[in-house]
Amino acid sequence: MVEGSMIQGAGQGPAVRGMMVMPVVPVNAAVPPYAADEGYTPTERNLPVVGRVPTPDVPTVPLTPVPEPEAGATAPVDGPGPLYVVGDVHGYLDELRAALLAQGLIDSQDRWAAGNARLWFLGDFTDRGPDGIGVIDLVMRLSAEAAAAGGYCKALMGNHELLIIGAKRFGDTPVSSGAGTASFHAAWLLNGGQRSDMDRLQDHHVQWMSRLDAMAEEDGHLLVHSDTTAYLDYGDSIEAVNDAVTEALQRADAEECWDLFRKFTKRFAFRDQGGAEAVRELLGAYGGRRVVHGHSPIPYLTGQVGSEDGEDGGAPVVDGPHVYADGLAIAMDGGVTMAGKMLVAQLPLPG
């Protein structure tokens, strides 16, 4: 696994929305043994990193101001535009750019080109791939550009956002894993944490991630990151769940944040026998006609590979989103970390 690093740069910045700020804990110590936890479902170890890992002096996507509209430019169209979703990115910035360009959402200069379109990222921007911070910078900039054009670009909280936030804030602080002690730093390393991401992670990145919603509903689609019913532990409405997750991060308690991360790693609730009933439980609580999620790579769900290192054979075949659970669930993680596909899809989908 890629080795960790000391956290570089300034410590935590000013509090955001009342957020308590924990001191940065050095993470250059040896990684402690990582106990298995029946309630925690990490991915496999020894994941290969495809592509060159950038050094800290390689610039990421610049956070430049949104330019003023040119004279004679077409005014934003009233009403909502088409709806798109993006699966797990995991630092694969070039693949993300290519997928967004292919859908006409950005231009060749990586600028928003979709007018009043609506774009949702389902979480997991960092870890495993070569440029997670570049991905975050791009999403943040597209959010501003889309809003200026009459559309929007939004993102959900994934378990890897919780993971890198925890590694930054708590380092090797011990937490109870249910089968011994663990730490965010150890979990981050085991799940593909990249030294270059931690070196370039700044306060504004952490603050932005800490304010992401956990779930949303758009056009009858319940958008979540993880294919789990653990969201029900945090409230009986979308607003209640989002508030509970934000407040937990504001309190900055290592044990509470670990429990949140652990629950967000759960997967496969909608697969196999009882899967459709689990989807209906979520839809009954939060609304919508279908659940759209990331987190579990489609090659897992379809049985093409049994582990995320892809040792079961060649590159998996992923043609597009996977509709399953009696047509009630749509999986959007195309398995880009295992040479699958970066998925960007327009909703609704047939099936």
Protein backbone atom coordinates (compact mmCIF):
# COMPACT_ATOMS: atom_id res chain seq x y z
CA MET A 1 0.00 0.00 0.00
CA VAL A 2 1.23 3.49 -0.68
CA GLU A 3 3.05 4.81 2.36
CA GLY A 4 1.68 7.68 4.39
CA SER A 5 3.26 11.01 5.16
CA MET A 6 3.37 13.75 7.70
CA ILE A 7 0.65 16.32 7.22
CA GLN A 8 2.21 19.35 5.58
CA GLY A 9 1.25 22.99 5.75
CA ALA A 10 -0.92 24.89 8.17
CA GLY A 11 -3.14 23.31 10.76
CA GLN A 12 -6.87 23.61 10.86
CA GLY A 13 -8.19 27.04 9.96
CA PRO A 14 -11.11 29.01 11.40
CA ALA A 15 -14.23 27.17 12.47
CA VAL A 16 -16.98 26.83 9.87
CA ARG A 17 -20.67 26.91 10.81
CA GLY A 18 -19.71 26.49 14.44
CA MET A 19 -17.40 23.55 13.69
CA MET A 20 -15.02 22.66 16.50
CA VAL A 21 -11.47 22.31 15.21
CA MET A 22 -9.19 19.60 16.53
CA PRO A 23 -5.42 20.00 16.58
CA VAL A 24 -3.61 18.22 13.78
CA VAL A 25 -2.10 14.98 15.01
CA PRO A 26 1.24 14.00 13.42
CA VAL A 27 0.86 10.88 11.36
CA ASN A 28 4.48 9.96 10.70
CA ALA A 29 4.50 7.25 13.33
CA ALA A 30 4.45 3.61 12.37
CA VAL A 31 1.03 2.39 11.38
CA PRO A 32 -0.49 0.41 14.28
CA PRO A 33 -1.92 -3.02 13.67
CA TYR A 34 -5.38 -2.67 12.23
CA ALA A 35 -7.98 -4.85 13.89
CA ALA A 36 -10.81 -6.28 11.87
CA ASP A 37 -14.25 -4.93 12.71
CA GLU A 38 -17.37 -6.87 11.90
CA GLY A 39 -19.22 -3.61 11.34
CA TYR A 40 -16.54 -2.09 9.11
CA THR A 41 -16.14 -3.25 5.53
CA PRO A 42 -12.90 -1.89 4.06
CA THR A 43 -11.76 -2.75 0.58
CA GLU A 44 -8.91 -5.10 -0.19
CA ARG A 45 -5.31 -4.19 0.54
CA ASN A 46 -2.49 -3.74 -1.98
CA LEU A 47 -4.57 -1.90 -4.56
CA PRO A 48 -2.49 -0.82 -7.54
CA VAL A 49 -2.36 2.87 -8.35
CA VAL A 50 -2.87 3.37 -12.07
CA GLY A 51 -1.00 6.33 -13.51
CA ARG A 52 1.66 8.66 -12.21
CA VAL A 53 1.26 10.01 -8.70
CA PRO A 54 1.89 13.77 -8.90
CA THR A 55 4.39 15.44 -6.65
CA PRO A 56 3.24 18.30 -4.39
CA ASP A 57 4.63 20.96 -6.73
CA VAL A 58 2.46 19.80 -9.65
CA PRO A 59 -0.41 22.28 -9.93
CA THR A 60 -3.95 21.01 -9.64
CA VAL A 61 -6.97 22.58 -11.29
CA PRO A 62 -6.68 26.34 -10.61
CA LEU A 63 -9.40 27.92 -8.50
CA THR A 64 -9.85 30.92 -10.76
CA PRO A 65 -12.76 33.38 -10.57
CA VAL A 66 -15.75 32.71 -12.78
CA PRO A 67 -15.55 35.09 -15.76
CA GLU A 68 -18.34 37.54 -16.48
CA PRO A 69 -20.70 36.51 -19.31
CA GLU A 70 -19.66 37.84 -22.69
CA ALA A 71 -21.79 40.45 -24.42
CA GLY A 72 -24.56 38.82 -26.40
CA ALA A 73 -24.29 35.53 -24.49
CA THR A 74 -27.47 33.50 -24.19
CA ALA A 75 -29.28 34.06 -20.89
CA PRO A 76 -29.83 31.03 -18.64
CA VAL A 77 -32.94 29.04 -19.52
CA ASP A 78 -35.74 29.08 -16.95
CA GLY A 79 -36.59 25.81 -15.23
CA PRO A 80 -34.41 22.86 -14.33
CA GLY A 81 -32.15 21.36 -16.93
CA PRO A 82 -31.25 17.71 -17.49
CA LEU A 83 -30.04 15.69 -14.52
CA TYR A 84 -26.68 13.87 -14.48
CA VAL A 85 -24.90 11.80 -11.85
CA VAL A 86 -21.24 10.81 -11.49
CA GLY A 87 -20.02 7.70 -9.71
CA ASP A 88 -16.91 7.29 -7.56
CA VAL A 89 -13.88 9.16 -8.93
CA HIS A 90 -11.11 8.16 -6.50
CA GLY A 91 -8.50 10.56 -7.81
CA TYR A 92 -8.78 9.64 -11.49
CA LEU A 93 -8.90 13.23 -12.72
CA ASP A 94 -8.08 12.57 -16.38
CA GLU A 95 -10.77 9.91 -16.64
CA LEU A 96 -13.28 12.27 -15.02
CA ARG A 97 -12.44 15.08 -17.45
CA ALA A 98 -12.88 12.74 -20.41
CA ALA A 99 -16.24 11.45 -19.14
CA LEU A 100 -17.61 14.94 -18.45
CA LEU A 101 -16.42 16.16 -21.85
CA ALA A 102 -18.07 13.20 -23.59
CA GLN A 103 -21.41 14.16 -22.01
CA GLY A 104 -21.01 17.81 -23.02
CA LEU A 105 -20.88 18.98 -19.41
CA ILE A 106 -17.49 20.67 -19.79
CA ASP A 107 -15.53 22.00 -22.74
CA SER A 108 -11.97 21.21 -23.83
CA GLN A 109 -10.70 23.75 -21.28
CA ASP A 110 -12.50 21.96 -18.41
CA ARG A 111 -15.06 24.79 -18.10
CA TRP A 112 -18.75 24.26 -17.44
CA ALA A 113 -20.51 24.00 -20.81
CA ALA A 114 -23.94 22.61 -19.89
CA GLY A 115 -25.96 25.74 -19.14
CA ASN A 116 -28.76 24.94 -16.69
CA ALA A 117 -27.95 21.22 -16.41
CA ARG A 118 -27.87 19.66 -12.95
CA LEU A 119 -24.89 17.52 -11.98
CA TRP A 120 -24.52 15.42 -8.82
CA PHE A 121 -21.34 13.68 -7.70
CA LEU A 122 -22.04 10.71 -5.44
CA GLY A 123 -18.89 11.05 -3.34
CA ASP A 124 -15.43 9.44 -2.97
CA PHE A 125 -13.18 11.97 -4.68
CA THR A 126 -9.85 10.90 -3.17
CA ASP A 127 -7.70 7.84 -2.39
CA ARG A 128 -6.36 5.08 -4.66
CA GLY A 129 -6.01 7.26 -7.78
CA PRO A 130 -3.29 9.78 -8.62
CA ASP A 131 -4.93 13.19 -8.06
CA GLY A 132 -7.74 13.38 -5.53
CA ILE A 133 -7.09 17.02 -4.66
CA GLY A 134 -7.23 17.92 -8.35
CA VAL A 135 -10.64 16.24 -8.50
CA ILE A 136 -11.91 18.26 -5.53
CA ASP A 137 -10.59 21.50 -7.03
CA LEU A 138 -12.34 20.76 -10.33
CA VAL A 139 -15.67 19.97 -8.64
CA MET A 140 -15.47 23.12 -6.51
CA ARG A 141 -14.79 25.28 -9.56
CA LEU A 142 -17.51 23.65 -11.66
CA SER A 143 -19.96 24.31 -8.83
CA ALA A 144 -19.34 28.06 -9.15
CA GLU A 145 -19.40 28.04 -12.95
CA ALA A 146 -22.59 25.98 -13.15
CA ALA A 147 -24.38 28.29 -10.71
CA ALA A 148 -23.38 31.30 -12.82
CA ALA A 149 -24.85 29.59 -15.90
CA GLY A 150 -28.19 28.80 -14.25
CA GLY A 151 -27.48 25.16 -13.44
CA TYR A 152 -25.69 23.51 -10.57
CA CYS A 153 -22.97 21.05 -9.70
CA LYS A 154 -23.33 19.45 -6.26
CA ALA A 155 -21.73 16.60 -4.35
CA LEU A 156 -22.57 14.07 -1.65
CA MET A 157 -20.51 12.85 1.27
CA GLY A 158 -18.80 9.53 0.66
CA ASN A 159 -16.99 7.29 3.10
CA HIS A 160 -13.63 8.41 1.67
CA GLU A 161 -14.46 12.05 2.42
CA LEU A 162 -15.05 10.98 6.03
CA LEU A 163 -11.85 8.96 5.91
CA ILE A 164 -9.51 11.70 4.71
CA ILE A 165 -11.15 14.29 7.00
CA GLY A 166 -10.57 11.91 9.91
CA ALA A 167 -6.97 11.21 8.90
CA LYS A 168 -6.30 14.96 8.73
CA ARG A 169 -8.00 15.81 12.02
CA PHE A 170 -7.30 12.79 14.21
CA GLY A 171 -4.25 11.05 12.73
CA ASP A 172 -3.30 8.06 14.90
CA THR A 173 -5.72 8.87 17.73
CA PRO A 174 -7.03 5.45 18.84
CA VAL A 175 -10.70 4.70 18.26
CA SER A 176 -12.76 1.65 19.16
CA SER A 177 -13.28 -0.56 16.14
CA GLY A 178 -15.44 -3.19 17.80
CA ALA A 179 -12.65 -5.78 17.63
CA GLY A 180 -9.80 -3.75 19.10
CA THR A 181 -8.32 -0.33 18.44
CA ALA A 182 -7.92 1.39 15.10
CA SER A 183 -7.17 4.88 13.82
CA PHE A 184 -8.24 7.03 10.92
CA HIS A 185 -4.67 7.20 9.68
CA ALA A 186 -4.35 3.41 9.56
CA ALA A 187 -7.72 3.05 7.83
CA TRP A 188 -6.79 5.76 5.33
CA LEU A 189 -3.58 3.92 4.41
CA LEU A 190 -5.37 0.58 4.14
CA ASN A 191 -7.94 2.12 1.81
CA GLY A 192 -5.57 3.68 -0.69
CA GLY A 193 -4.57 6.94 0.99
CA GLN A 194 -2.18 8.88 -1.24
CA ARG A 195 0.73 10.88 0.17
CA SER A 196 0.35 13.54 -2.51
CA ASP A 197 -3.30 14.10 -1.55
CA MET A 198 -2.48 14.58 2.14
CA ASP A 199 0.43 16.88 1.30
CA ARG A 200 -1.84 19.14 -0.76
CA LEU A 201 -4.98 18.91 1.39
CA GLN A 202 -5.80 22.44 2.59
CA ASP A 203 -8.25 23.87 5.11
CA HIS A 204 -10.70 24.98 2.42
CA HIS A 205 -10.83 21.42 1.05
CA VAL A 206 -11.62 20.02 4.50
CA GLN A 207 -14.23 22.69 5.17
CA TRP A 208 -15.93 22.06 1.82
CA MET A 209 -16.04 18.30 2.35
CA SER A 210 -17.31 18.73 5.92
CA ARG A 211 -20.41 20.57 4.66
CA LEU A 212 -21.44 18.02 2.01
CA ASP A 213 -24.90 16.49 2.33
CA ALA A 214 -25.26 12.76 2.87
CA MET A 215 -28.33 12.34 0.65
CA ALA A 216 -30.61 14.23 -1.73
CA GLU A 217 -33.74 13.66 -3.82
CA GLU A 218 -33.96 14.78 -7.44
CA ASP A 219 -36.76 13.98 -9.89
CA GLY A 220 -37.81 10.89 -7.95
CA HIS A 221 -34.23 9.67 -7.50
CA LEU A 222 -32.93 9.22 -3.95
CA LEU A 223 -29.21 9.97 -4.27
CA VAL A 224 -26.83 8.42 -1.71
CA HIS A 225 -23.22 7.33 -1.69
CA SER A 226 -23.41 3.94 -0.02
CA ASP A 227 -25.66 0.98 -0.77
CA THR A 228 -26.64 0.61 2.87
CA THR A 229 -29.65 1.21 5.09
CA ALA A 230 -27.40 2.77 7.76
CA TYR A 231 -28.76 6.20 6.79
CA LEU A 232 -31.85 5.24 8.79
CA ASP A 233 -29.74 5.49 11.96
CA TYR A 234 -29.41 9.25 11.46
CA GLY A 235 -32.97 10.46 10.94
CA ASP A 236 -36.36 9.89 9.34
CA SER A 237 -36.04 12.61 6.69
CA ILE A 238 -33.37 13.75 4.24
CA GLU A 239 -32.97 17.01 6.13
CA ALA A 240 -32.59 15.22 9.46
CA VAL A 241 -29.93 12.86 8.11
CA ASN A 242 -27.95 15.69 6.53
CA ASP A 243 -28.13 17.75 9.71
CA ALA A 244 -27.04 14.81 11.85
CA VAL A 245 -23.99 14.11 9.68
CA THR A 246 -22.96 17.78 9.55
CA GLU A 247 -23.38 18.17 13.31
CA ALA A 248 -21.31 15.05 13.99
CA LEU A 249 -18.44 16.50 11.97
CA GLN A 250 -18.80 19.86 13.72
CA ARG A 251 -18.42 18.21 17.12
CA ALA A 252 -15.13 16.72 15.90
CA ASP A 253 -15.22 13.76 18.27
CA ALA A 254 -12.96 10.98 16.98
CA GLU A 255 -15.15 8.13 18.20
CA GLU A 256 -18.34 9.67 16.80
CA CYS A 257 -16.72 10.38 13.44
CA TRP A 258 -15.31 6.86 13.32
CA ASP A 259 -18.77 5.39 13.91
CA LEU A 260 -20.11 7.54 11.09
CA PHE A 261 -17.32 6.44 8.76
CA ARG A 262 -17.78 2.79 9.75
CA LYS A 263 -21.49 2.87 8.92
CA PHE A 264 -20.86 4.60 5.59
CA THR A 265 -18.54 1.73 4.56
CA LYS A 266 -21.34 -0.83 4.75
CA ARG A 267 -22.39 -2.18 1.37
CA PHE A 268 -24.47 -4.72 -0.58
CA ALA A 269 -27.74 -4.02 1.28
CA PHE A 270 -29.64 -3.95 -2.03
CA ARG A 271 -28.04 -7.06 -3.54
CA ASP A 272 -29.31 -10.62 -3.44
CA GLN A 273 -32.34 -11.80 -1.50
CA GLY A 274 -34.04 -9.02 0.43
CA GLY A 275 -32.30 -6.31 -1.57
CA ALA A 276 -35.45 -4.87 -3.11
CA GLU A 277 -37.09 -4.74 0.32
CA ALA A 278 -34.11 -2.80 1.69
CA VAL A 279 -34.42 -0.28 -1.15
CA ARG A 280 -38.14 0.08 -0.47
CA GLU A 281 -37.36 0.76 3.18
CA LEU A 282 -35.15 3.69 2.24
CA LEU A 283 -37.61 5.00 -0.33
CA GLY A 284 -40.43 4.74 2.18
CA ALA A 285 -38.48 6.80 4.71
CA TYR A 286 -36.98 9.45 2.45
CA GLY A 287 -39.06 9.50 -0.73
CA GLY A 288 -38.28 8.85 -4.35
CA ARG A 289 -38.95 6.01 -6.74
CA ARG A 290 -35.38 4.75 -7.17
CA VAL A 291 -32.15 4.79 -5.18
CA VAL A 292 -29.01 5.87 -7.05
CA HIS A 293 -25.73 5.03 -5.31
CA GLY A 294 -21.98 4.67 -5.71
CA HIS A 295 -19.59 2.94 -3.28
CA SER A 296 -19.85 -0.70 -4.40
CA PRO A 297 -18.18 -1.15 -7.79
CA ILE A 298 -20.45 -2.67 -10.42
CA PRO A 299 -17.98 -5.55 -11.02
CA TYR A 300 -18.57 -6.51 -7.35
CA LEU A 301 -22.32 -6.38 -7.74
CA THR A 302 -22.35 -8.40 -10.96
CA GLY A 303 -19.83 -10.96 -9.71
CA GLN A 304 -17.16 -10.20 -12.32
CA VAL A 305 -14.51 -9.76 -9.62
CA GLY A 306 -14.47 -10.72 -5.97
CA SER A 307 -11.98 -8.16 -4.74
CA GLU A 308 -11.13 -4.62 -5.69
CA ASP A 309 -7.58 -5.51 -6.68
CA GLY A 310 -9.07 -7.29 -9.69
CA GLU A 311 -7.06 -10.49 -9.17
CA ASP A 312 -9.92 -12.63 -10.48
CA GLY A 313 -9.02 -11.97 -14.11
CA GLY A 314 -8.68 -9.24 -16.68
CA ALA A 315 -10.24 -5.80 -16.67
CA PRO A 316 -13.97 -5.95 -15.89
CA VAL A 317 -16.51 -5.03 -18.54
CA VAL A 318 -18.67 -2.09 -17.49
CA ASP A 319 -20.95 -0.69 -20.17
CA GLY A 320 -22.91 1.71 -17.99
CA PRO A 321 -24.90 2.00 -14.75
CA HIS A 322 -26.22 -1.24 -13.24
CA VAL A 323 -29.97 -1.35 -12.63
CA TYR A 324 -30.97 -4.05 -10.14
CA ALA A 325 -33.12 -4.87 -7.07
CA ASP A 326 -36.33 -5.16 -9.08
CA GLY A 327 -35.31 -2.05 -11.02
CA LEU A 328 -35.36 0.06 -7.85
CA ALA A 329 -31.59 0.61 -7.50
CA ILE A 330 -29.01 2.10 -9.86
CA ALA A 331 -25.31 1.50 -9.15
CA MET A 332 -22.96 4.19 -10.51
CA ASP A 333 -19.48 3.08 -9.38
CA GLY A 334 -18.00 1.76 -12.61
CA GLY A 335 -14.88 0.42 -10.93
CA VAL A 336 -12.38 2.92 -12.30
CA THR A 337 -9.89 1.80 -9.62
CA MET A 338 -9.86 -1.70 -11.15
CA ALA A 339 -9.60 -0.54 -14.79
CA GLY A 340 -13.36 -0.42 -15.14
CA LYS A 341 -15.09 2.78 -16.25
CA MET A 342 -15.70 6.31 -15.01
CA LEU A 343 -19.48 6.64 -15.18
CA VAL A 344 -21.39 9.84 -15.90
CA ALA A 345 -25.04 9.18 -16.73
CA GLN A 346 -28.15 11.20 -17.44
CA LEU A 347 -31.23 10.30 -15.40
CA PRO A 348 -33.78 8.81 -15.68
CA LEU A 349 -32.55 5.46 -16.94
CA PRO A 350 -34.71 2.70 -18.42
CA GLY A 351 -35.03 -0.67 -16.78
